[in-house]
Amino acid sequence: MVVWNAQLEVRFPDYQDQMKVTVDNFSGIEAVLHADQVLLNGRYLTAGKAAPELNMKIFLPEGILESDVEIRWYRWSVKKSLYEVGVRFVNILKENQSFVDKIIRRLHCEHRYC
């Protein structure tokens, strides 16, 4: 479990926007985000064929990790009063393998697995 600030860039064919999210869980290929909304300008981020392109930048002590993402699932958390959004990173390991490995090693050491 982590708590990282991130920015989600949302690109529909005729509309672009950004939203702040928090990364709550990170595995290197997937993550769980916390978001205040899943609707931008009247459009859902998970709208099947009309789903937007999503690019996420995670701000880490080591630098910025950037990748396209796909939303796999989402749910409203009554307890947390926000959306929990499951995302999968697209091509993150090919483009950022050594950076992701460094982050995973640090996380394991922080949890005393090293």
PDB file of N, CA and C in Angstrom:
ATOM      1  N   MET A   1       0.837  -1.176   0.000  1.00  0.00           N
ATOM      2  CA  MET A   1       0.000   0.000   0.000  1.00  0.00           C
ATOM      3  C   MET A   1       0.885   1.244   0.000  1.00  0.00           C
ATOM      4  N   VAL A   2       0.540   2.193  -0.847  1.00  0.00           N
ATOM      5  CA  VAL A   2       1.302   3.429  -0.976  1.00  0.00           C
ATOM      6  C   VAL A   2       0.329   4.597  -0.975  1.00  0.00           C
ATOM      7  N   VAL A   3       0.838   5.781  -0.874  1.00  0.00           N
ATOM      8  CA  VAL A   3       0.035   6.990  -1.048  1.00  0.00           C
ATOM      9  C   VAL A   3       0.870   7.960  -1.862  1.00  0.00           C
ATOM     10  N   TRP A   4       0.629   7.959  -3.177  1.00  0.00           N
ATOM     11  CA  TRP A   4       1.370   8.804  -4.097  1.00  0.00           C
ATOM     12  C   TRP A   4       0.423   9.735  -4.825  1.00  0.00           C
ATOM     13  N   ASN A   5       0.834  10.962  -5.009  1.00  0.00           N
ATOM     14  CA  ASN A   5       0.064  11.898  -5.819  1.00  0.00           C
ATOM     15  C   ASN A   5       0.317  11.603  -7.285  1.00  0.00           C
ATOM     16  N   ALA A   6      -0.734  11.759  -8.084  1.00  0.00           N
ATOM     17  CA  ALA A   6      -0.601  11.506  -9.516  1.00  0.00           C
ATOM     18  C   ALA A   6      -1.557  12.413 -10.268  1.00  0.00           C
ATOM     19  N   GLN A   7      -1.306  12.516 -11.545  1.00  0.00           N
ATOM     20  CA  GLN A   7      -2.148  13.306 -12.435  1.00  0.00           C
ATOM     21  C   GLN A   7      -2.606  12.406 -13.575  1.00  0.00           C
ATOM     22  N   LEU A   8      -3.901  12.385 -13.813  1.00  0.00           N
ATOM     23  CA  LEU A   8      -4.463  11.585 -14.889  1.00  0.00           C
ATOM     24  C   LEU A   8      -4.866  12.525 -16.017  1.00  0.00           C
ATOM     25  N   GLU A   9      -4.242  12.356 -17.172  1.00  0.00           N
ATOM     26  CA  GLU A   9      -4.581  13.144 -18.350  1.00  0.00           C
ATOM     27  C   GLU A   9      -5.618  12.363 -19.143  1.00  0.00           C
ATOM     28  N   VAL A  10      -6.728  13.018 -19.451  1.00  0.00           N
ATOM     29  CA  VAL A  10      -7.856  12.379 -20.107  1.00  0.00           C
ATOM     30  C   VAL A  10      -8.038  13.019 -21.478  1.00  0.00           C
ATOM     31  N   ARG A  11      -8.019  12.174 -22.545  1.00  0.00           N
ATOM     32  CA  ARG A  11      -8.145  12.690 -23.903  1.00  0.00           C
ATOM     33  C   ARG A  11      -9.293  12.001 -24.643  1.00  0.00           C
ATOM     34  N   PHE A  12     -10.391  12.721 -24.799  1.00  0.00           N
ATOM     35  CA  PHE A  12     -11.453  12.306 -25.703  1.00  0.00           C
ATOM     36  C   PHE A  12     -11.110  12.906 -27.070  1.00  0.00           C
ATOM     37  N   PRO A  13     -11.708  12.434 -28.169  1.00  0.00           N
ATOM     38  CA  PRO A  13     -11.382  13.019 -29.482  1.00  0.00           C
ATOM     39  C   PRO A  13     -11.580  14.535 -29.554  1.00  0.00           C
ATOM     40  N   ASP A  14     -12.573  15.060 -28.843  1.00  0.00           N
ATOM     41  CA  ASP A  14     -12.868  16.487 -28.921  1.00  0.00           C
ATOM     42  C   ASP A  14     -12.752  17.229 -27.591  1.00  0.00           C
ATOM     43  N   TYR A  15     -12.145  16.597 -26.592  1.00  0.00           N
ATOM     44  CA  TYR A  15     -12.071  17.209 -25.266  1.00  0.00           C
ATOM     45  C   TYR A  15     -10.894  16.614 -24.502  1.00  0.00           C
ATOM     46  N   GLN A  16     -10.143  17.465 -23.806  1.00  0.00           N
ATOM     47  CA  GLN A  16      -9.028  17.014 -22.970  1.00  0.00           C
ATOM     48  C   GLN A  16      -9.123  17.685 -21.608  1.00  0.00           C
ATOM     49  N   ASP A  17      -8.697  16.969 -20.597  1.00  0.00           N
ATOM     50  CA  ASP A  17      -8.698  17.529 -19.247  1.00  0.00           C
ATOM     51  C   ASP A  17      -7.701  16.737 -18.411  1.00  0.00           C
ATOM     52  N   GLN A  18      -7.481  17.198 -17.200  1.00  0.00           N
ATOM     53  CA  GLN A  18      -6.607  16.529 -16.245  1.00  0.00           C
ATOM     54  C   GLN A  18      -7.327  16.443 -14.922  1.00  0.00           C
ATOM     55  N   MET A  19      -7.029  15.420 -14.171  1.00  0.00           N
ATOM     56  CA  MET A  19      -7.590  15.314 -12.831  1.00  0.00           C
ATOM     57  C   MET A  19      -6.532  14.761 -11.888  1.00  0.00           C
ATOM     58  N   LYS A  20      -6.582  15.228 -10.661  1.00  0.00           N
ATOM     59  CA  LYS A  20      -5.662  14.744  -9.636  1.00  0.00           C
ATOM     60  C   LYS A  20      -6.236  13.463  -9.047  1.00  0.00           C
ATOM     61  N   VAL A  21      -5.359  12.491  -8.856  1.00  0.00           N
ATOM     62  CA  VAL A  21      -5.724  11.225  -8.241  1.00  0.00           C
ATOM     63  C   VAL A  21      -4.630  10.860  -7.248  1.00  0.00           C
ATOM     64  N   THR A  22      -4.910   9.886  -6.421  1.00  0.00           N
ATOM     65  CA  THR A  22      -3.931   9.356  -5.486  1.00  0.00           C
ATOM     66  C   THR A  22      -3.755   7.873  -5.778  1.00  0.00           C
ATOM     67  N   VAL A  23      -2.522   7.430  -5.889  1.00  0.00           N
ATOM     68  CA  VAL A  23      -2.233   6.016  -6.073  1.00  0.00           C
ATOM     69  C   VAL A  23      -2.208   5.385  -4.689  1.00  0.00           C
ATOM     70  N   ASP A  24      -3.040   4.370  -4.498  1.00  0.00           N
ATOM     71  CA  ASP A  24      -3.188   3.735  -3.194  1.00  0.00           C
ATOM     72  C   ASP A  24      -2.509   2.375  -3.139  1.00  0.00           C
ATOM     73  N   ASN A  25      -2.407   1.721  -4.262  1.00  0.00           N
ATOM     74  CA  ASN A  25      -1.827   0.389  -4.309  1.00  0.00           C
ATOM     75  C   ASN A  25      -1.102   0.260  -5.646  1.00  0.00           C
ATOM     76  N   PHE A  26       0.089  -0.312  -5.652  1.00  0.00           N
ATOM     77  CA  PHE A  26       0.916  -0.364  -6.856  1.00  0.00           C
ATOM     78  C   PHE A  26       1.607  -1.711  -6.937  1.00  0.00           C
ATOM     79  N   SER A  27       1.459  -2.387  -8.077  1.00  0.00           N
ATOM     80  CA  SER A  27       2.106  -3.688  -8.232  1.00  0.00           C
ATOM     81  C   SER A  27       3.172  -3.684  -9.318  1.00  0.00           C
ATOM     82  N   GLY A  28       3.304  -2.594 -10.050  1.00  0.00           N
ATOM     83  CA  GLY A  28       4.232  -2.553 -11.170  1.00  0.00           C
ATOM     84  C   GLY A  28       3.527  -2.706 -12.497  1.00  0.00           C
ATOM     85  N   ILE A  29       2.404  -3.429 -12.511  1.00  0.00           N
ATOM     86  CA  ILE A  29       1.604  -3.551 -13.740  1.00  0.00           C
ATOM     87  C   ILE A  29       0.179  -3.066 -13.541  1.00  0.00           C
ATOM     88  N   GLU A  30      -0.242  -2.938 -12.285  1.00  0.00           N
ATOM     89  CA  GLU A  30      -1.583  -2.446 -11.961  1.00  0.00           C
ATOM     90  C   GLU A  30      -1.503  -1.524 -10.750  1.00  0.00           C
ATOM     91  N   ALA A  31      -2.564  -0.769 -10.558  1.00  0.00           N
ATOM     92  CA  ALA A  31      -2.640   0.118  -9.395  1.00  0.00           C
ATOM     93  C   ALA A  31      -4.101   0.367  -9.050  1.00  0.00           C
ATOM     94  N   VAL A  32      -4.327   0.813  -7.839  1.00  0.00           N
ATOM     95  CA  VAL A  32      -5.647   1.285  -7.420  1.00  0.00           C
ATOM     96  C   VAL A  32      -5.513   2.772  -7.158  1.00  0.00           C
ATOM     97  N   LEU A  33      -6.386   3.540  -7.789  1.00  0.00           N
ATOM     98  CA  LEU A  33      -6.392   4.990  -7.631  1.00  0.00           C
ATOM     99  C   LEU A  33      -7.557   5.411  -6.773  1.00  0.00           C
ATOM    100  N   HIS A  34      -7.406   6.547  -6.122  1.00  0.00           N
ATOM    101  CA  HIS A  34      -8.517   7.212  -5.453  1.00  0.00           C
ATOM    102  C   HIS A  34      -8.812   8.477  -6.244  1.00  0.00           C
ATOM    103  N   ALA A  35     -10.079   8.662  -6.587  1.00  0.00           N
ATOM    104  CA  ALA A  35     -10.484   9.815  -7.383  1.00  0.00           C
ATOM    105  C   ALA A  35     -11.796  10.364  -6.856  1.00  0.00           C
ATOM    106  N   ASP A  36     -11.967  11.669  -6.997  1.00  0.00           N
ATOM    107  CA  ASP A  36     -13.208  12.308  -6.582  1.00  0.00           C
ATOM    108  C   ASP A  36     -14.330  12.103  -7.588  1.00  0.00           C
ATOM    109  N   GLN A  37     -13.956  11.748  -8.831  1.00  0.00           N
ATOM    110  CA  GLN A  37     -14.966  11.625  -9.883  1.00  0.00           C
ATOM    111  C   GLN A  37     -14.528  10.627 -10.943  1.00  0.00           C
ATOM    112  N   VAL A  38     -15.486  10.116 -11.690  1.00  0.00           N
ATOM    113  CA  VAL A  38     -15.207   9.303 -12.875  1.00  0.00           C
ATOM    114  C   VAL A  38     -15.950   9.889 -14.075  1.00  0.00           C
ATOM    115  N   LEU A  39     -16.393  11.121 -13.922  1.00  0.00           N
ATOM    116  CA  LEU A  39     -17.148  11.840 -14.937  1.00  0.00           C
ATOM    117  C   LEU A  39     -16.476  13.189 -15.169  1.00  0.00           C
ATOM    118  N   LEU A  40     -16.098  13.478 -16.412  1.00  0.00           N
ATOM    119  CA  LEU A  40     -15.503  14.766 -16.769  1.00  0.00           C
ATOM    120  C   LEU A  40     -16.292  15.368 -17.924  1.00  0.00           C
ATOM    121  N   ASN A  41     -16.731  16.587 -17.757  1.00  0.00           N
ATOM    122  CA  ASN A  41     -17.459  17.282 -18.812  1.00  0.00           C
ATOM    123  C   ASN A  41     -18.629  16.445 -19.321  1.00  0.00           C
ATOM    124  N   GLY A  42     -19.315  15.774 -18.399  1.00  0.00           N
ATOM    125  CA  GLY A  42     -20.468  14.960 -18.757  1.00  0.00           C
ATOM    126  C   GLY A  42     -20.130  13.630 -19.404  1.00  0.00           C
ATOM    127  N   ARG A  43     -18.878  13.205 -19.370  1.00  0.00           N
ATOM    128  CA  ARG A  43     -18.450  11.964 -20.014  1.00  0.00           C
ATOM    129  C   ARG A  43     -17.778  11.042 -18.994  1.00  0.00           C
ATOM    130  N   TYR A  44     -18.178   9.791 -19.038  1.00  0.00           N
ATOM    131  CA  TYR A  44     -17.587   8.818 -18.131  1.00  0.00           C
ATOM    132  C   TYR A  44     -16.226   8.349 -18.648  1.00  0.00           C
ATOM    133  N   LEU A  45     -15.310   8.157 -17.735  1.00  0.00           N
ATOM    134  CA  LEU A  45     -13.978   7.666 -18.090  1.00  0.00           C
ATOM    135  C   LEU A  45     -14.005   6.208 -18.541  1.00  0.00           C
ATOM    136  N   THR A  46     -15.081   5.510 -18.230  1.00  0.00           N
ATOM    137  CA  THR A  46     -15.171   4.078 -18.500  1.00  0.00           C
ATOM    138  C   THR A  46     -16.236   3.761 -19.542  1.00  0.00           C
ATOM    139  N   ALA A  47     -16.451   4.622 -20.494  1.00  0.00           N
ATOM    140  CA  ALA A  47     -17.579   4.516 -21.418  1.00  0.00           C
ATOM    141  C   ALA A  47     -17.334   3.595 -22.606  1.00  0.00           C
ATOM    142  N   GLY A  48     -16.921   2.365 -22.371  1.00  0.00           N
ATOM    143  CA  GLY A  48     -16.791   1.361 -23.419  1.00  0.00           C
ATOM    144  C   GLY A  48     -16.092   1.836 -24.672  1.00  0.00           C
ATOM    145  N   LYS A  49     -16.803   1.823 -25.819  1.00  0.00           N
ATOM    146  CA  LYS A  49     -16.213   2.219 -27.095  1.00  0.00           C
ATOM    147  C   LYS A  49     -15.802   3.693 -27.111  1.00  0.00           C
ATOM    148  N   ALA A  50     -16.469   4.523 -26.329  1.00  0.00           N
ATOM    149  CA  ALA A  50     -16.159   5.955 -26.293  1.00  0.00           C
ATOM    150  C   ALA A  50     -15.194   6.317 -25.169  1.00  0.00           C
ATOM    151  N   ALA A  51     -14.558   5.316 -24.583  1.00  0.00           N
ATOM    152  CA  ALA A  51     -13.629   5.583 -23.484  1.00  0.00           C
ATOM    153  C   ALA A  51     -12.463   6.432 -23.983  1.00  0.00           C
ATOM    154  N   PRO A  52     -12.008   7.355 -23.168  1.00  0.00           N
ATOM    155  CA  PRO A  52     -10.901   8.230 -23.578  1.00  0.00           C
ATOM    156  C   PRO A  52      -9.549   7.538 -23.478  1.00  0.00           C
ATOM    157  N   GLU A  53      -8.533   8.166 -24.065  1.00  0.00           N
ATOM    158  CA  GLU A  53      -7.150   7.758 -23.837  1.00  0.00           C
ATOM    159  C   GLU A  53      -6.751   8.325 -22.482  1.00  0.00           C
ATOM    160  N   LEU A  54      -6.080   7.525 -21.682  1.00  0.00           N
ATOM    161  CA  LEU A  54      -5.693   7.942 -20.336  1.00  0.00           C
ATOM    162  C   LEU A  54      -4.190   7.804 -20.164  1.00  0.00           C
ATOM    163  N   ASN A  55      -3.557   8.860 -19.687  1.00  0.00           N
ATOM    164  CA  ASN A  55      -2.129   8.850 -19.398  1.00  0.00           C
ATOM    165  C   ASN A  55      -1.958   9.313 -17.964  1.00  0.00           C
ATOM    166  N   MET A  56      -1.181   8.560 -17.187  1.00  0.00           N
ATOM    167  CA  MET A  56      -1.001   8.913 -15.785  1.00  0.00           C
ATOM    168  C   MET A  56       0.464   9.224 -15.501  1.00  0.00           C
ATOM    169  N   LYS A  57       0.668  10.268 -14.721  1.00  0.00           N
ATOM    170  CA  LYS A  57       1.990  10.636 -14.220  1.00  0.00           C
ATOM    171  C   LYS A  57       1.952  10.496 -12.707  1.00  0.00           C
ATOM    172  N   ILE A  58       2.828   9.637 -12.188  1.00  0.00           N
ATOM    173  CA  ILE A  58       2.930   9.437 -10.747  1.00  0.00           C
ATOM    174  C   ILE A  58       4.176  10.164 -10.271  1.00  0.00           C
ATOM    175  N   PHE A  59       4.012  11.003  -9.260  1.00  0.00           N
ATOM    176  CA  PHE A  59       5.116  11.805  -8.738  1.00  0.00           C
ATOM    177  C   PHE A  59       5.754  11.077  -7.554  1.00  0.00           C
ATOM    178  N   LEU A  60       6.976  10.583  -7.776  1.00  0.00           N
ATOM    179  CA  LEU A  60       7.693   9.758  -6.805  1.00  0.00           C
ATOM    180  C   LEU A  60       8.990  10.427  -6.374  1.00  0.00           C
ATOM    181  N   PRO A  61       9.561  10.000  -5.247  1.00  0.00           N
ATOM    182  CA  PRO A  61      10.867  10.540  -4.857  1.00  0.00           C
ATOM    183  C   PRO A  61      11.941  10.289  -5.912  1.00  0.00           C
ATOM    184  N   GLU A  62      11.821   9.171  -6.640  1.00  0.00           N
ATOM    185  CA  GLU A  62      12.801   8.820  -7.665  1.00  0.00           C
ATOM    186  C   GLU A  62      12.613   9.605  -8.962  1.00  0.00           C
ATOM    187  N   GLY A  63      11.464  10.232  -9.123  1.00  0.00           N
ATOM    188  CA  GLY A  63      11.154  10.952 -10.357  1.00  0.00           C
ATOM    189  C   GLY A  63       9.710  10.725 -10.757  1.00  0.00           C
ATOM    190  N   ILE A  64       9.394  11.006 -11.992  1.00  0.00           N
ATOM    191  CA  ILE A  64       8.025  10.863 -12.488  1.00  0.00           C
ATOM    192  C   ILE A  64       7.922   9.582 -13.297  1.00  0.00           C
ATOM    193  N   LEU A  65       6.963   8.752 -12.931  1.00  0.00           N
ATOM    194  CA  LEU A  65       6.659   7.542 -13.678  1.00  0.00           C
ATOM    195  C   LEU A  65       5.428   7.839 -14.524  1.00  0.00           C
ATOM    196  N   GLU A  66       5.558   7.673 -15.834  1.00  0.00           N
ATOM    197  CA  GLU A  66       4.470   8.018 -16.744  1.00  0.00           C
ATOM    198  C   GLU A  66       4.112   6.820 -17.605  1.00  0.00           C
ATOM    199  N   SER A  67       2.809   6.596 -17.771  1.00  0.00           N
ATOM    200  CA  SER A  67       2.350   5.490 -18.598  1.00  0.00           C
ATOM    201  C   SER A  67       0.901   5.719 -19.009  1.00  0.00           C
ATOM    202  N   ASP A  68       0.551   5.186 -20.169  1.00  0.00           N
ATOM    203  CA  ASP A  68      -0.858   5.098 -20.511  1.00  0.00           C
ATOM    204  C   ASP A  68      -1.472   4.052 -19.600  1.00  0.00           C
ATOM    205  N   VAL A  69      -2.744   4.220 -19.268  1.00  0.00           N
ATOM    206  CA  VAL A  69      -3.443   3.266 -18.411  1.00  0.00           C
ATOM    207  C   VAL A  69      -4.803   2.938 -19.003  1.00  0.00           C
ATOM    208  N   GLU A  70      -5.315   1.788 -18.594  1.00  0.00           N
ATOM    209  CA  GLU A  70      -6.670   1.367 -18.924  1.00  0.00           C
ATOM    210  C   GLU A  70      -7.416   1.140 -17.621  1.00  0.00           C
ATOM    211  N   ILE A  71      -8.633   1.616 -17.542  1.00  0.00           N
ATOM    212  CA  ILE A  71      -9.454   1.374 -16.355  1.00  0.00           C
ATOM    213  C   ILE A  71     -10.020  -0.033 -16.458  1.00  0.00           C
ATOM    214  N   ARG A  72      -9.814  -0.835 -15.417  1.00  0.00           N
ATOM    215  CA  ARG A  72     -10.309  -2.210 -15.375  1.00  0.00           C
ATOM    216  C   ARG A  72     -11.620  -2.304 -14.598  1.00  0.00           C
ATOM    217  N   TRP A  73     -11.747  -1.485 -13.561  1.00  0.00           N
ATOM    218  CA  TRP A  73     -12.953  -1.486 -12.737  1.00  0.00           C
ATOM    219  C   TRP A  73     -12.986  -0.207 -11.914  1.00  0.00           C
ATOM    220  N   TYR A  74     -14.166   0.114 -11.353  1.00  0.00           N
ATOM    221  CA  TYR A  74     -14.256   1.194 -10.372  1.00  0.00           C
ATOM    222  C   TYR A  74     -15.455   0.953  -9.480  1.00  0.00           C
ATOM    223  N   ARG A  75     -15.404   1.539  -8.314  1.00  0.00           N
ATOM    224  CA  ARG A  75     -16.515   1.445  -7.355  1.00  0.00           C
ATOM    225  C   ARG A  75     -16.485   2.659  -6.438  1.00  0.00           C
ATOM    226  N   TRP A  76     -17.625   3.012  -5.927  1.00  0.00           N
ATOM    227  CA  TRP A  76     -17.734   4.092  -4.959  1.00  0.00           C
ATOM    228  C   TRP A  76     -17.473   3.511  -3.581  1.00  0.00           C
ATOM    229  N   SER A  77     -16.581   4.125  -2.833  1.00  0.00           N
ATOM    230  CA  SER A  77     -16.307   3.707  -1.465  1.00  0.00           C
ATOM    231  C   SER A  77     -17.060   4.632  -0.515  1.00  0.00           C
ATOM    232  N   VAL A  78     -18.086   4.112   0.103  1.00  0.00           N
ATOM    233  CA  VAL A  78     -18.867   4.902   1.054  1.00  0.00           C
ATOM    234  C   VAL A  78     -17.989   5.288   2.237  1.00  0.00           C
ATOM    235  N   LYS A  79     -17.163   4.346   2.680  1.00  0.00           N
ATOM    236  CA  LYS A  79     -16.292   4.582   3.834  1.00  0.00           C
ATOM    237  C   LYS A  79     -15.317   5.729   3.579  1.00  0.00           C
ATOM    238  N   LYS A  80     -14.749   5.785   2.358  1.00  0.00           N
ATOM    239  CA  LYS A  80     -13.743   6.789   2.027  1.00  0.00           C
ATOM    240  C   LYS A  80     -14.334   8.011   1.321  1.00  0.00           C
ATOM    241  N   SER A  81     -15.590   7.933   0.888  1.00  0.00           N
ATOM    242  CA  SER A  81     -16.270   9.007   0.146  1.00  0.00           C
ATOM    243  C   SER A  81     -15.497   9.410  -1.108  1.00  0.00           C
ATOM    244  N   LEU A  82     -15.071   8.395  -1.874  1.00  0.00           N
ATOM    245  CA  LEU A  82     -14.384   8.630  -3.140  1.00  0.00           C
ATOM    246  C   LEU A  82     -14.468   7.373  -3.987  1.00  0.00           C
ATOM    247  N   TYR A  83     -14.070   7.503  -5.232  1.00  0.00           N
ATOM    248  CA  TYR A  83     -14.036   6.356  -6.129  1.00  0.00           C
ATOM    249  C   TYR A  83     -12.709   5.632  -5.990  1.00  0.00           C
ATOM    250  N   GLU A  84     -12.771   4.330  -5.973  1.00  0.00           N
ATOM    251  CA  GLU A  84     -11.598   3.485  -6.089  1.00  0.00           C
ATOM    252  C   GLU A  84     -11.600   2.982  -7.522  1.00  0.00           C
ATOM    253  N   VAL A  85     -10.478   3.164  -8.209  1.00  0.00           N
ATOM    254  CA  VAL A  85     -10.401   2.847  -9.634  1.00  0.00           C
ATOM    255  C   VAL A  85      -9.217   1.913  -9.873  1.00  0.00           C
ATOM    256  N   GLY A  86      -9.495   0.740 -10.404  1.00  0.00           N
ATOM    257  CA  GLY A  86      -8.435  -0.202 -10.743  1.00  0.00           C
ATOM    258  C   GLY A  86      -7.949   0.065 -12.152  1.00  0.00           C
ATOM    259  N   VAL A  87      -6.641   0.293 -12.306  1.00  0.00           N
ATOM    260  CA  VAL A  87      -6.068   0.554 -13.627  1.00  0.00           C
ATOM    261  C   VAL A  87      -4.955  -0.441 -13.924  1.00  0.00           C
ATOM    262  N   ARG A  88      -4.745  -0.659 -15.205  1.00  0.00           N
ATOM    263  CA  ARG A  88      -3.627  -1.486 -15.682  1.00  0.00           C
ATOM    264  C   ARG A  88      -2.741  -0.580 -16.521  1.00  0.00           C
ATOM    265  N   PHE A  89      -1.446  -0.641 -16.271  1.00  0.00           N
ATOM    266  CA  PHE A  89      -0.488   0.148 -17.038  1.00  0.00           C
ATOM    267  C   PHE A  89      -0.301  -0.487 -18.411  1.00  0.00           C
ATOM    268  N   VAL A  90      -0.238   0.335 -19.432  1.00  0.00           N
ATOM    269  CA  VAL A  90      -0.057  -0.130 -20.798  1.00  0.00           C
ATOM    270  C   VAL A  90       1.406   0.070 -21.182  1.00  0.00           C
ATOM    271  N   ASN A  91       2.094  -1.019 -21.459  1.00  0.00           N
ATOM    272  CA  ASN A  91       3.503  -0.995 -21.886  1.00  0.00           C
ATOM    273  C   ASN A  91       4.452  -0.378 -20.865  1.00  0.00           C
ATOM    274  N   ILE A  92       4.092  -0.343 -19.614  1.00  0.00           N
ATOM    275  CA  ILE A  92       4.960   0.292 -18.623  1.00  0.00           C
ATOM    276  C   ILE A  92       6.267  -0.474 -18.439  1.00  0.00           C
ATOM    277  N   LEU A  93       6.219  -1.785 -18.462  1.00  0.00           N
ATOM    278  CA  LEU A  93       7.436  -2.544 -18.213  1.00  0.00           C
ATOM    279  C   LEU A  93       8.419  -2.436 -19.365  1.00  0.00           C
ATOM    280  N   LYS A  94       7.947  -2.366 -20.582  1.00  0.00           N
ATOM    281  CA  LYS A  94       8.841  -2.242 -21.723  1.00  0.00           C
ATOM    282  C   LYS A  94       9.570  -0.903 -21.705  1.00  0.00           C
ATOM    283  N   GLU A  95       8.857   0.145 -21.361  1.00  0.00           N
ATOM    284  CA  GLU A  95       9.419   1.490 -21.431  1.00  0.00           C
ATOM    285  C   GLU A  95      10.183   1.897 -20.174  1.00  0.00           C
ATOM    286  N   ASN A  96       9.813   1.354 -19.034  1.00  0.00           N
ATOM    287  CA  ASN A  96      10.353   1.827 -17.756  1.00  0.00           C
ATOM    288  C   ASN A  96      10.787   0.693 -16.833  1.00  0.00           C
ATOM    289  N   GLN A  97      11.261  -0.413 -17.361  1.00  0.00           N
ATOM    290  CA  GLN A  97      11.554  -1.601 -16.559  1.00  0.00           C
ATOM    291  C   GLN A  97      12.478  -1.308 -15.384  1.00  0.00           C
ATOM    292  N   SER A  98      13.603  -0.663 -15.617  1.00  0.00           N
ATOM    293  CA  SER A  98      14.557  -0.447 -14.526  1.00  0.00           C
ATOM    294  C   SER A  98      13.997   0.512 -13.474  1.00  0.00           C
ATOM    295  N   PHE A  99      13.237   1.517 -13.906  1.00  0.00           N
ATOM    296  CA  PHE A  99      12.630   2.467 -12.979  1.00  0.00           C
ATOM    297  C   PHE A  99      11.588   1.769 -12.100  1.00  0.00           C
ATOM    298  N   VAL A 100      10.746   0.948 -12.709  1.00  0.00           N
ATOM    299  CA  VAL A 100       9.731   0.199 -11.956  1.00  0.00           C
ATOM    300  C   VAL A 100      10.400  -0.777 -10.995  1.00  0.00           C
ATOM    301  N   ASP A 101      11.456  -1.464 -11.452  1.00  0.00           N
ATOM    302  CA  ASP A 101      12.182  -2.385 -10.569  1.00  0.00           C
ATOM    303  C   ASP A 101      12.728  -1.660  -9.338  1.00  0.00           C
ATOM    304  N   LYS A 102      13.262  -0.464  -9.531  1.00  0.00           N
ATOM    305  CA  LYS A 102      13.802   0.337  -8.431  1.00  0.00           C
ATOM    306  C   LYS A 102      12.697   0.696  -7.433  1.00  0.00           C
ATOM    307  N   ILE A 103      11.532   1.068  -7.942  1.00  0.00           N
ATOM    308  CA  ILE A 103      10.400   1.417  -7.067  1.00  0.00           C
ATOM    309  C   ILE A 103       9.940   0.192  -6.276  1.00  0.00           C
ATOM    310  N   ILE A 104       9.816  -0.942  -6.958  1.00  0.00           N
ATOM    311  CA  ILE A 104       9.369  -2.178  -6.297  1.00  0.00           C
ATOM    312  C   ILE A 104      10.371  -2.587  -5.214  1.00  0.00           C
ATOM    313  N   ARG A 105      11.669  -2.499  -5.495  1.00  0.00           N
ATOM    314  CA  ARG A 105      12.687  -2.822  -4.483  1.00  0.00           C
ATOM    315  C   ARG A 105      12.545  -1.919  -3.267  1.00  0.00           C
ATOM    316  N   ARG A 106      12.351  -0.611  -3.512  1.00  0.00           N
ATOM    317  CA  ARG A 106      12.196   0.320  -2.385  1.00  0.00           C
ATOM    318  C   ARG A 106      10.964  -0.028  -1.561  1.00  0.00           C
ATOM    319  N   LEU A 107       9.848  -0.344  -2.223  1.00  0.00           N
ATOM    320  CA  LEU A 107       8.625  -0.699  -1.501  1.00  0.00           C
ATOM    321  C   LEU A 107       8.820  -1.959  -0.668  1.00  0.00           C
ATOM    322  N   HIS A 108       9.503  -2.948  -1.235  1.00  0.00           N
ATOM    323  CA  HIS A 108       9.758  -4.180  -0.488  1.00  0.00           C
ATOM    324  C   HIS A 108      10.631  -3.899   0.726  1.00  0.00           C
ATOM    325  N   CYS A 109      11.637  -3.072   0.564  1.00  0.00           N
ATOM    326  CA  CYS A 109      12.517  -2.749   1.692  1.00  0.00           C
ATOM    327  C   CYS A 109      11.790  -1.945   2.764  1.00  0.00           C
ATOM    328  N   GLU A 110      10.888  -1.040   2.336  1.00  0.00           N
ATOM    329  CA  GLU A 110      10.114  -0.277   3.316  1.00  0.00           C
ATOM    330  C   GLU A 110       9.215  -1.183   4.152  1.00  0.00           C
ATOM    331  N   HIS A 111       8.817  -2.309   3.567  1.00  0.00           N
ATOM    332  CA  HIS A 111       7.969  -3.255   4.291  1.00  0.00           C
ATOM    333  C   HIS A 111       8.777  -4.428   4.851  1.00  0.00           C
ATOM    334  N   ARG A 112      10.123  -4.238   4.879  1.00  0.00           N
ATOM    335  CA  ARG A 112      11.061  -5.197   5.475  1.00  0.00           C
ATOM    336  C   ARG A 112      11.067  -6.557   4.794  1.00  0.00           C
ATOM    337  N   TYR A 113      10.916  -6.576   3.486  1.00  0.00           N
ATOM    338  CA  TYR A 113      11.005  -7.811   2.732  1.00  0.00           C
ATOM    339  C   TYR A 113      12.373  -7.985   2.085  1.00  0.00           C
ATOM    340  N   CYS A 114      13.329  -7.085   2.364  1.00  0.00           N
ATOM    341  CA  CYS A 114      14.627  -7.218   1.701  1.00  0.00           C
ATOM    342  C   CYS A 114      15.653  -7.812   2.644  1.00  0.00           C
TER     343      CYS A 114
END
